[in-house]
Amino acid sequence: MAIDWDERPELNITPLVDIMLVLLAILMVTTPAIIFEETITLPDGSKTASVNKIPPLEIRIDKAKNVYIGKDKFALKNFPDNIILIANKYDKETTIYIKADRELLYNDVMYVMKAIKNAGFLKVALETNG
């Protein structure tokens, strides 16, 4: 058996690449699971100041298209003018809940909501029985 000293061996790097890919996959899976915890000291609020909560305003609409604000009754077609007139009695930050009869058309309820928004109220919500 003769030894050929000029022969160069070939390097097989396939197992090295396989091991590196497995290590990369393990790193990618475990990295999101690492949780860093930082302690945060929050400032203390003033315990003497109290926030005055504004009571919500309820507006009801019945089948006959009458709009009620408290005990006041308005016709639907006259409601936009009336809400502008009485809007000065209420704070604009007041939350307004609209309760409408299920027999009403969508347009009628949106007409009331648009009139309330045009009067300057920003917090308007529809209330359901669900």
C-alpha atoms as a PDB file:
ATOM      1  CA  MET A   1       0.000   0.000   0.000  1.00  0.00           C
ATOM      2  CA  ALA A   2       1.573   3.168  -1.197  1.00  0.00           C
ATOM      3  CA  ILE A   3       0.971   6.498   0.470  1.00  0.00           C
ATOM      4  CA  ASP A   4       0.333   9.420  -1.820  1.00  0.00           C
ATOM      5  CA  TRP A   5       1.647  12.487  -0.038  1.00  0.00           C
ATOM      6  CA  ASP A   6       0.202  14.898  -2.608  1.00  0.00           C
ATOM      7  CA  GLU A   7      -3.391  13.883  -1.996  1.00  0.00           C
ATOM      8  CA  ARG A   8      -5.486  16.530  -0.176  1.00  0.00           C
ATOM      9  CA  PRO A   9      -8.393  15.396   2.012  1.00  0.00           C
ATOM     10  CA  GLU A  10     -11.865  16.931   1.412  1.00  0.00           C
ATOM     11  CA  LEU A  11     -13.576  18.587   4.347  1.00  0.00           C
ATOM     12  CA  ASN A  12     -17.196  17.555   4.876  1.00  0.00           C
ATOM     13  CA  ILE A  13     -18.904  20.577   6.487  1.00  0.00           C
ATOM     14  CA  THR A  14     -22.476  19.205   6.222  1.00  0.00           C
ATOM     15  CA  PRO A  15     -22.560  17.926   9.858  1.00  0.00           C
ATOM     16  CA  LEU A  16     -21.237  21.285  11.064  1.00  0.00           C
ATOM     17  CA  VAL A  17     -23.996  23.163   9.205  1.00  0.00           C
ATOM     18  CA  ASP A  18     -26.621  20.752  10.580  1.00  0.00           C
ATOM     19  CA  ILE A  19     -25.487  21.332  14.157  1.00  0.00           C
ATOM     20  CA  MET A  20     -25.419  25.109  13.675  1.00  0.00           C
ATOM     21  CA  LEU A  21     -28.976  25.105  12.266  1.00  0.00           C
ATOM     22  CA  VAL A  22     -30.225  23.077  15.233  1.00  0.00           C
ATOM     23  CA  LEU A  23     -28.558  25.476  17.665  1.00  0.00           C
ATOM     24  CA  LEU A  24     -30.034  28.446  15.780  1.00  0.00           C
ATOM     25  CA  ALA A  25     -33.528  26.911  15.957  1.00  0.00           C
ATOM     26  CA  ILE A  26     -33.152  26.315  19.711  1.00  0.00           C
ATOM     27  CA  LEU A  27     -32.030  29.908  20.194  1.00  0.00           C
ATOM     28  CA  MET A  28     -34.966  31.255  18.182  1.00  0.00           C
ATOM     29  CA  VAL A  29     -37.470  29.209  20.200  1.00  0.00           C
ATOM     30  CA  THR A  30     -36.103  30.055  23.645  1.00  0.00           C
ATOM     31  CA  THR A  31     -35.416  33.782  23.132  1.00  0.00           C
ATOM     32  CA  PRO A  32     -39.079  34.963  23.289  1.00  0.00           C
ATOM     33  CA  ALA A  33     -39.556  33.000  26.502  1.00  0.00           C
ATOM     34  CA  ILE A  34     -36.935  35.052  28.330  1.00  0.00           C
ATOM     35  CA  ILE A  35     -38.679  37.609  30.531  1.00  0.00           C
ATOM     36  CA  PHE A  36     -36.933  40.711  31.699  1.00  0.00           C
ATOM     37  CA  GLU A  37     -38.294  42.171  34.905  1.00  0.00           C
ATOM     38  CA  GLU A  38     -37.756  45.773  35.768  1.00  0.00           C
ATOM     39  CA  THR A  39     -38.979  47.266  38.988  1.00  0.00           C
ATOM     40  CA  ILE A  40     -40.820  50.525  38.489  1.00  0.00           C
ATOM     41  CA  THR A  41     -41.673  52.794  41.355  1.00  0.00           C
ATOM     42  CA  LEU A  42     -44.848  54.684  40.521  1.00  0.00           C
ATOM     43  CA  PRO A  43     -45.488  58.113  41.995  1.00  0.00           C
ATOM     44  CA  ASP A  44     -48.111  58.479  44.687  1.00  0.00           C
ATOM     45  CA  GLY A  45     -51.227  60.387  43.768  1.00  0.00           C
ATOM     46  CA  SER A  46     -52.736  63.066  45.907  1.00  0.00           C
ATOM     47  CA  LYS A  47     -55.212  61.458  48.245  1.00  0.00           C
ATOM     48  CA  THR A  48     -56.848  64.721  49.192  1.00  0.00           C
ATOM     49  CA  ALA A  49     -58.121  65.640  45.739  1.00  0.00           C
ATOM     50  CA  SER A  50     -61.341  63.972  44.720  1.00  0.00           C
ATOM     51  CA  VAL A  51     -62.779  63.800  41.260  1.00  0.00           C
ATOM     52  CA  ASN A  52     -66.345  64.987  40.870  1.00  0.00           C
ATOM     53  CA  LYS A  53     -68.077  62.482  38.696  1.00  0.00           C
ATOM     54  CA  ILE A  54     -70.550  63.988  36.271  1.00  0.00           C
ATOM     55  CA  PRO A  55     -73.808  62.025  36.313  1.00  0.00           C
ATOM     56  CA  PRO A  56     -74.799  60.595  32.932  1.00  0.00           C
ATOM     57  CA  LEU A  57     -77.744  61.941  30.984  1.00  0.00           C
ATOM     58  CA  GLU A  58     -80.323  59.507  29.631  1.00  0.00           C
ATOM     59  CA  ILE A  59     -82.266  60.222  26.444  1.00  0.00           C
ATOM     60  CA  ARG A  60     -85.154  57.903  25.526  1.00  0.00           C
ATOM     61  CA  ILE A  61     -86.947  57.562  22.189  1.00  0.00           C
ATOM     62  CA  ASP A  62     -90.299  55.740  22.048  1.00  0.00           C
ATOM     63  CA  LYS A  63     -92.212  54.130  19.163  1.00  0.00           C
ATOM     64  CA  ALA A  64     -94.171  57.322  18.490  1.00  0.00           C
ATOM     65  CA  LYS A  65     -90.881  59.151  17.840  1.00  0.00           C
ATOM     66  CA  ASN A  66     -91.045  61.200  21.011  1.00  0.00           C
ATOM     67  CA  VAL A  67     -87.710  62.065  22.585  1.00  0.00           C
ATOM     68  CA  TYR A  68     -87.476  62.317  26.384  1.00  0.00           C
ATOM     69  CA  ILE A  69     -84.707  64.060  28.290  1.00  0.00           C
ATOM     70  CA  GLY A  70     -85.536  63.423  31.911  1.00  0.00           C
ATOM     71  CA  LYS A  71     -89.191  64.460  32.181  1.00  0.00           C
ATOM     72  CA  ASP A  72     -89.095  66.800  29.167  1.00  0.00           C
ATOM     73  CA  LYS A  73     -90.784  65.526  26.004  1.00  0.00           C
ATOM     74  CA  PHE A  74     -89.853  66.635  22.475  1.00  0.00           C
ATOM     75  CA  ALA A  75     -90.989  65.654  18.991  1.00  0.00           C
ATOM     76  CA  LEU A  76     -88.292  64.004  16.887  1.00  0.00           C
ATOM     77  CA  LYS A  77     -88.403  66.658  14.146  1.00  0.00           C
ATOM     78  CA  ASN A  78     -87.982  69.477  16.703  1.00  0.00           C
ATOM     79  CA  PHE A  79     -85.301  67.733  18.752  1.00  0.00           C
ATOM     80  CA  PRO A  80     -82.170  69.304  17.151  1.00  0.00           C
ATOM     81  CA  ASP A  81     -83.340  72.837  17.959  1.00  0.00           C
ATOM     82  CA  ASN A  82     -84.387  71.887  21.481  1.00  0.00           C
ATOM     83  CA  ILE A  83     -81.158  70.074  22.349  1.00  0.00           C
ATOM     84  CA  ILE A  84     -79.144  73.128  21.322  1.00  0.00           C
ATOM     85  CA  LEU A  85     -81.280  75.306  23.580  1.00  0.00           C
ATOM     86  CA  ILE A  86     -81.028  73.051  26.642  1.00  0.00           C
ATOM     87  CA  ALA A  87     -77.363  72.050  26.073  1.00  0.00           C
ATOM     88  CA  ASN A  88     -76.226  75.049  28.123  1.00  0.00           C
ATOM     89  CA  LYS A  89     -77.675  73.455  31.276  1.00  0.00           C
ATOM     90  CA  TYR A  90     -75.330  70.476  30.995  1.00  0.00           C
ATOM     91  CA  ASP A  91     -71.577  70.034  30.995  1.00  0.00           C
ATOM     92  CA  LYS A  92     -70.205  69.045  27.585  1.00  0.00           C
ATOM     93  CA  GLU A  93     -68.246  66.234  29.250  1.00  0.00           C
ATOM     94  CA  THR A  94     -71.495  64.576  30.347  1.00  0.00           C
ATOM     95  CA  THR A  95     -71.914  61.029  29.123  1.00  0.00           C
ATOM     96  CA  ILE A  96     -75.182  60.651  27.231  1.00  0.00           C
ATOM     97  CA  TYR A  97     -76.920  57.288  26.911  1.00  0.00           C
ATOM     98  CA  ILE A  98     -79.522  56.893  24.197  1.00  0.00           C
ATOM     99  CA  LYS A  99     -82.248  54.298  24.720  1.00  0.00           C
ATOM    100  CA  ALA A 100     -84.345  53.743  21.609  1.00  0.00           C
ATOM    101  CA  ASP A 101     -87.298  51.467  20.931  1.00  0.00           C
ATOM    102  CA  ARG A 102     -86.444  48.519  18.724  1.00  0.00           C
ATOM    103  CA  GLU A 103     -89.264  49.377  16.298  1.00  0.00           C
ATOM    104  CA  LEU A 104     -87.550  52.634  15.290  1.00  0.00           C
ATOM    105  CA  LEU A 105     -85.611  52.982  12.095  1.00  0.00           C
ATOM    106  CA  TYR A 106     -81.848  53.282  12.179  1.00  0.00           C
ATOM    107  CA  ASN A 107     -82.073  56.735  10.594  1.00  0.00           C
ATOM    108  CA  ASP A 108     -84.232  58.048  13.445  1.00  0.00           C
ATOM    109  CA  VAL A 109     -81.731  56.996  16.084  1.00  0.00           C
ATOM    110  CA  MET A 110     -78.803  58.385  14.100  1.00  0.00           C
ATOM    111  CA  TYR A 111     -80.753  61.651  13.632  1.00  0.00           C
ATOM    112  CA  VAL A 112     -80.934  62.031  17.415  1.00  0.00           C
ATOM    113  CA  MET A 113     -77.288  61.089  17.853  1.00  0.00           C
ATOM    114  CA  LYS A 114     -76.198  63.619  15.228  1.00  0.00           C
ATOM    115  CA  ALA A 115     -78.255  66.346  16.910  1.00  0.00           C
ATOM    116  CA  ILE A 116     -76.566  65.573  20.242  1.00  0.00           C
ATOM    117  CA  LYS A 117     -73.111  65.667  18.654  1.00  0.00           C
ATOM    118  CA  ASN A 118     -73.930  68.971  16.932  1.00  0.00           C
ATOM    119  CA  ALA A 119     -74.959  70.412  20.308  1.00  0.00           C
ATOM    120  CA  GLY A 120     -71.364  69.890  21.490  1.00  0.00           C
ATOM    121  CA  PHE A 121     -71.568  66.646  23.473  1.00  0.00           C
ATOM    122  CA  LEU A 122     -68.723  64.234  22.746  1.00  0.00           C
ATOM    123  CA  LYS A 123     -69.517  61.193  24.886  1.00  0.00           C
ATOM    124  CA  VAL A 124     -72.605  59.638  23.320  1.00  0.00           C
ATOM    125  CA  ALA A 125     -73.466  55.940  23.507  1.00  0.00           C
ATOM    126  CA  LEU A 126     -76.348  53.672  22.561  1.00  0.00           C
ATOM    127  CA  GLU A 127     -77.722  51.530  25.352  1.00  0.00           C
ATOM    128  CA  THR A 128     -79.242  48.071  24.815  1.00  0.00           C
ATOM    129  CA  ASN A 129     -80.730  45.334  26.951  1.00  0.00           C
ATOM    130  CA  GLY A 130     -77.972  42.911  26.101  1.00  0.00           C
END
